[in-house]
Amino acid sequence: MHAILKAGFVLGGLTLAAAAAAQPSAPTWQPAPSITASLDIGGTGNFTGVFENKRLCYMINAPGVANPTAVRIVALKPEKNGEVLFNLKPPVGGASGDCVPASDEVARRLVKNAGNFALAIDTAAYPNAVWAPLVGMNG
C-alpha cells in the first residue's frame, strides 16, 4: 500500500504543492537538489527549480521579457547539444511556476553538471531571446 504525500514549498512568494505516491525504495535527498539561473534581461529575473518526489517544481520571474512564448531547459555541449529536457510554462505577467515529472537520472544529471544546461526563453519577436546558464546545488 502506498501512502499519498503532500509536498509543498514556496518559490519567490508562490506556493507550489504536489501530491505524489511515496516509494519505499526511493532515495531521499536532504536537502533537495536544486537548479537556478539569473536572467539578465532588461532588469533582473531568475529561475529556481527544486527536484523532489520525482518532479521538478520551478518558479520563473522574468518581468523584463516581452511576450514570452516558450521556455525550456536545454542541453549545451558537451551534453547532447540542443536536447530539450523540459518544456516549462512561459511567464504570464512576468512570472510562472509549476511542477513537471523528472526522473532521478535527469535530476542528478542536471544538478551535477548544471553548467552544461541552460534555460531558454523564446519571445514572439525572437526565438531564443534569453539564454541563462544553470547552476546546481545540493547534488
C-alpha atoms as a PDB file:
ATOM      1  CA  MET A   1       0.000   0.000   0.000  1.00  0.00           C
ATOM      2  CA  HIS A   2       1.360   3.400  -0.978  1.00  0.00           C
ATOM      3  CA  ALA A   3       0.793   6.462   1.135  1.00  0.00           C
ATOM      4  CA  ILE A   4      -0.031   9.749  -0.539  1.00  0.00           C
ATOM      5  CA  LEU A   5       2.277  12.573   0.477  1.00  0.00           C
ATOM      6  CA  LYS A   6       1.560  16.251   0.052  1.00  0.00           C
ATOM      7  CA  ALA A   7       4.718  18.156  -0.852  1.00  0.00           C
ATOM      8  CA  GLY A   8       4.671  21.924  -0.829  1.00  0.00           C
ATOM      9  CA  PHE A   9       7.194  24.719  -0.746  1.00  0.00           C
ATOM     10  CA  VAL A  10       7.494  28.387  -1.546  1.00  0.00           C
ATOM     11  CA  LEU A  11       9.459  29.747  -4.504  1.00  0.00           C
ATOM     12  CA  GLY A  12       9.533  33.502  -4.984  1.00  0.00           C
ATOM     13  CA  GLY A  13       6.355  34.045  -2.985  1.00  0.00           C
ATOM     14  CA  LEU A  14       4.385  31.409  -4.925  1.00  0.00           C
ATOM     15  CA  THR A  15       3.480  28.269  -3.004  1.00  0.00           C
ATOM     16  CA  LEU A  16       3.756  25.155  -5.138  1.00  0.00           C
ATOM     17  CA  ALA A  17       2.175  21.940  -3.938  1.00  0.00           C
ATOM     18  CA  ALA A  18       2.071  18.491  -5.478  1.00  0.00           C
ATOM     19  CA  ALA A  19       0.725  15.107  -4.457  1.00  0.00           C
ATOM     20  CA  ALA A  20       2.983  12.113  -5.063  1.00  0.00           C
ATOM     21  CA  ALA A  21       2.850   8.428  -4.231  1.00  0.00           C
ATOM     22  CA  ALA A  22       5.505   7.507  -1.669  1.00  0.00           C
ATOM     23  CA  GLN A  23       8.000   4.942  -2.911  1.00  0.00           C
ATOM     24  CA  PRO A  24       9.607   2.991  -0.060  1.00  0.00           C
ATOM     25  CA  SER A  25      12.831   2.424  -2.029  1.00  0.00           C
ATOM     26  CA  ALA A  26      13.084   5.952  -3.484  1.00  0.00           C
ATOM     27  CA  PRO A  27      16.249   7.802  -2.475  1.00  0.00           C
ATOM     28  CA  THR A  28      15.778  10.805  -0.237  1.00  0.00           C
ATOM     29  CA  TRP A  29      17.993  13.790  -0.899  1.00  0.00           C
ATOM     30  CA  GLN A  30      18.406  16.181   2.010  1.00  0.00           C
ATOM     31  CA  PRO A  31      18.301  18.997   1.276  1.00  0.00           C
ATOM     32  CA  ALA A  32      16.506  18.619  -2.047  1.00  0.00           C
ATOM     33  CA  PRO A  33      18.763  19.270  -5.057  1.00  0.00           C
ATOM     34  CA  SER A  34      18.030  22.431  -6.989  1.00  0.00           C
ATOM     35  CA  ILE A  35      18.985  24.392 -10.078  1.00  0.00           C
ATOM     36  CA  THR A  36      18.962  28.151 -10.550  1.00  0.00           C
ATOM     37  CA  ALA A  37      19.672  30.731 -13.242  1.00  0.00           C
ATOM     38  CA  SER A  38      19.987  34.501 -13.246  1.00  0.00           C
ATOM     39  CA  LEU A  39      18.128  36.200 -16.077  1.00  0.00           C
ATOM     40  CA  ASP A  40      19.858  39.439 -17.046  1.00  0.00           C
ATOM     41  CA  ILE A  41      17.087  40.838 -19.203  1.00  0.00           C
ATOM     42  CA  GLY A  42      16.090  44.459 -19.051  1.00  0.00           C
ATOM     43  CA  GLY A  43      16.410  44.367 -15.292  1.00  0.00           C
ATOM     44  CA  THR A  44      16.527  41.377 -13.033  1.00  0.00           C
ATOM     45  CA  GLY A  45      14.935  37.992 -13.249  1.00  0.00           C
ATOM     46  CA  ASN A  46      15.563  34.468 -12.049  1.00  0.00           C
ATOM     47  CA  PHE A  47      14.685  30.823 -12.341  1.00  0.00           C
ATOM     48  CA  THR A  48      14.640  28.384  -9.413  1.00  0.00           C
ATOM     49  CA  GLY A  49      13.848  24.695  -9.668  1.00  0.00           C
ATOM     50  CA  VAL A  50      13.760  22.072  -6.910  1.00  0.00           C
ATOM     51  CA  PHE A  51      13.803  18.312  -7.516  1.00  0.00           C
ATOM     52  CA  GLU A  52      11.559  16.463  -5.106  1.00  0.00           C
ATOM     53  CA  ASN A  53       9.371  13.338  -5.315  1.00  0.00           C
ATOM     54  CA  LYS A  54      10.396  12.672  -8.927  1.00  0.00           C
ATOM     55  CA  ARG A  55       9.328  16.151 -10.009  1.00  0.00           C
ATOM     56  CA  LEU A  56      10.949  19.436 -10.902  1.00  0.00           C
ATOM     57  CA  CYS A  57       8.984  22.249  -9.275  1.00  0.00           C
ATOM     58  CA  TYR A  58      10.019  25.634 -10.573  1.00  0.00           C
ATOM     59  CA  MET A  59       9.396  29.377 -10.474  1.00  0.00           C
ATOM     60  CA  ILE A  60      10.343  31.801 -13.229  1.00  0.00           C
ATOM     61  CA  ASN A  61      10.486  35.522 -12.516  1.00  0.00           C
ATOM     62  CA  ALA A  62      11.062  37.346 -15.816  1.00  0.00           C
ATOM     63  CA  PRO A  63       9.317  40.721 -15.777  1.00  0.00           C
ATOM     64  CA  GLY A  64      11.674  42.103 -18.456  1.00  0.00           C
ATOM     65  CA  VAL A  65      10.766  39.532 -21.130  1.00  0.00           C
ATOM     66  CA  ALA A  66       8.148  40.915 -23.513  1.00  0.00           C
ATOM     67  CA  ASN A  67       5.639  38.396 -24.894  1.00  0.00           C
ATOM     68  CA  PRO A  68       7.333  35.100 -23.920  1.00  0.00           C
ATOM     69  CA  THR A  69       6.019  32.188 -25.969  1.00  0.00           C
ATOM     70  CA  ALA A  70       8.085  29.206 -24.768  1.00  0.00           C
ATOM     71  CA  VAL A  71      10.508  28.237 -22.002  1.00  0.00           C
ATOM     72  CA  ARG A  72      12.672  25.144 -21.922  1.00  0.00           C
ATOM     73  CA  ILE A  73      15.729  23.639 -20.281  1.00  0.00           C
ATOM     74  CA  VAL A  74      18.182  22.579 -22.974  1.00  0.00           C
ATOM     75  CA  ALA A  75      21.486  20.742 -23.087  1.00  0.00           C
ATOM     76  CA  LEU A  76      24.647  22.510 -24.221  1.00  0.00           C
ATOM     77  CA  LYS A  77      27.982  20.995 -25.248  1.00  0.00           C
ATOM     78  CA  PRO A  78      29.428  18.539 -24.185  1.00  0.00           C
ATOM     79  CA  GLU A  79      25.968  17.108 -23.440  1.00  0.00           C
ATOM     80  CA  LYS A  80      23.509  16.341 -26.237  1.00  0.00           C
ATOM     81  CA  ASN A  81      23.617  19.879 -27.626  1.00  0.00           C
ATOM     82  CA  GLY A  82      20.103  21.196 -28.212  1.00  0.00           C
ATOM     83  CA  GLU A  83      18.341  18.335 -26.402  1.00  0.00           C
ATOM     84  CA  VAL A  84      15.223  19.656 -24.642  1.00  0.00           C
ATOM     85  CA  LEU A  85      14.944  18.159 -21.155  1.00  0.00           C
ATOM     86  CA  PHE A  86      11.900  20.129 -20.024  1.00  0.00           C
ATOM     87  CA  ASN A  87       9.287  22.391 -21.567  1.00  0.00           C
ATOM     88  CA  LEU A  88       8.096  24.871 -18.941  1.00  0.00           C
ATOM     89  CA  LYS A  89       5.221  27.345 -18.773  1.00  0.00           C
ATOM     90  CA  PRO A  90       6.077  30.783 -20.181  1.00  0.00           C
ATOM     91  CA  PRO A  91       5.718  33.671 -17.743  1.00  0.00           C
ATOM     92  CA  VAL A  92       2.395  35.497 -17.749  1.00  0.00           C
ATOM     93  CA  GLY A  93       2.568  38.940 -16.195  1.00  0.00           C
ATOM     94  CA  GLY A  94       6.282  38.332 -15.565  1.00  0.00           C
ATOM     95  CA  ALA A  95       6.075  35.039 -13.639  1.00  0.00           C
ATOM     96  CA  SER A  96       5.208  31.369 -13.956  1.00  0.00           C
ATOM     97  CA  GLY A  97       5.629  28.214 -11.934  1.00  0.00           C
ATOM     98  CA  ASP A  98       4.579  24.590 -11.966  1.00  0.00           C
ATOM     99  CA  CYS A  99       5.794  21.048 -11.331  1.00  0.00           C
ATOM    100  CA  VAL A 100       6.750  18.609 -14.091  1.00  0.00           C
ATOM    101  CA  PRO A 101       7.788  14.935 -13.908  1.00  0.00           C
ATOM    102  CA  ALA A 102      11.561  14.420 -13.551  1.00  0.00           C
ATOM    103  CA  SER A 103      13.418  11.144 -13.213  1.00  0.00           C
ATOM    104  CA  ASP A 104      16.193  10.756 -10.639  1.00  0.00           C
ATOM    105  CA  GLU A 105      18.632  10.266 -13.538  1.00  0.00           C
ATOM    106  CA  VAL A 106      17.717  13.600 -15.149  1.00  0.00           C
ATOM    107  CA  ALA A 107      17.750  15.375 -11.776  1.00  0.00           C
ATOM    108  CA  ARG A 108      21.267  14.123 -10.980  1.00  0.00           C
ATOM    109  CA  ARG A 109      22.481  14.913 -14.494  1.00  0.00           C
ATOM    110  CA  LEU A 110      21.208  18.481 -14.252  1.00  0.00           C
ATOM    111  CA  VAL A 111      22.392  19.220 -10.712  1.00  0.00           C
ATOM    112  CA  LYS A 112      25.864  17.674 -11.039  1.00  0.00           C
ATOM    113  CA  ASN A 113      26.552  19.148 -14.492  1.00  0.00           C
ATOM    114  CA  ALA A 114      24.336  22.240 -14.376  1.00  0.00           C
ATOM    115  CA  GLY A 115      26.784  24.328 -16.407  1.00  0.00           C
ATOM    116  CA  ASN A 116      26.115  22.040 -19.377  1.00  0.00           C
ATOM    117  CA  PHE A 117      22.474  23.208 -19.464  1.00  0.00           C
ATOM    118  CA  ALA A 118      20.625  26.478 -19.952  1.00  0.00           C
ATOM    119  CA  LEU A 119      17.182  27.978 -19.522  1.00  0.00           C
ATOM    120  CA  ALA A 120      15.981  29.266 -22.901  1.00  0.00           C
ATOM    121  CA  ILE A 121      13.075  31.672 -23.333  1.00  0.00           C
ATOM    122  CA  ASP A 122      11.523  32.445 -26.709  1.00  0.00           C
ATOM    123  CA  THR A 123       9.509  35.588 -27.358  1.00  0.00           C
ATOM    124  CA  ALA A 124       7.054  36.491 -30.089  1.00  0.00           C
ATOM    125  CA  ALA A 125       9.779  38.609 -31.713  1.00  0.00           C
ATOM    126  CA  TYR A 126      12.875  36.454 -31.025  1.00  0.00           C
ATOM    127  CA  PRO A 127      13.353  32.697 -30.736  1.00  0.00           C
ATOM    128  CA  ASN A 128      15.997  32.026 -28.068  1.00  0.00           C
ATOM    129  CA  ALA A 129      15.702  35.621 -26.805  1.00  0.00           C
ATOM    130  CA  VAL A 130      17.109  34.647 -23.390  1.00  0.00           C
ATOM    131  CA  TRP A 131      19.755  32.022 -22.641  1.00  0.00           C
ATOM    132  CA  ALA A 132      20.737  31.639 -18.999  1.00  0.00           C
ATOM    133  CA  PRO A 133      23.255  29.011 -17.810  1.00  0.00           C
ATOM    134  CA  LEU A 134      22.092  26.849 -14.920  1.00  0.00           C
ATOM    135  CA  VAL A 135      23.804  26.452 -11.542  1.00  0.00           C
ATOM    136  CA  GLY A 136      23.246  23.283  -9.477  1.00  0.00           C
ATOM    137  CA  MET A 137      23.119  22.965  -5.686  1.00  0.00           C
ATOM    138  CA  ASN A 138      22.918  20.123  -3.159  1.00  0.00           C
ATOM    139  CA  GLY A 139      23.554  17.396  -5.713  1.00  0.00           C
END
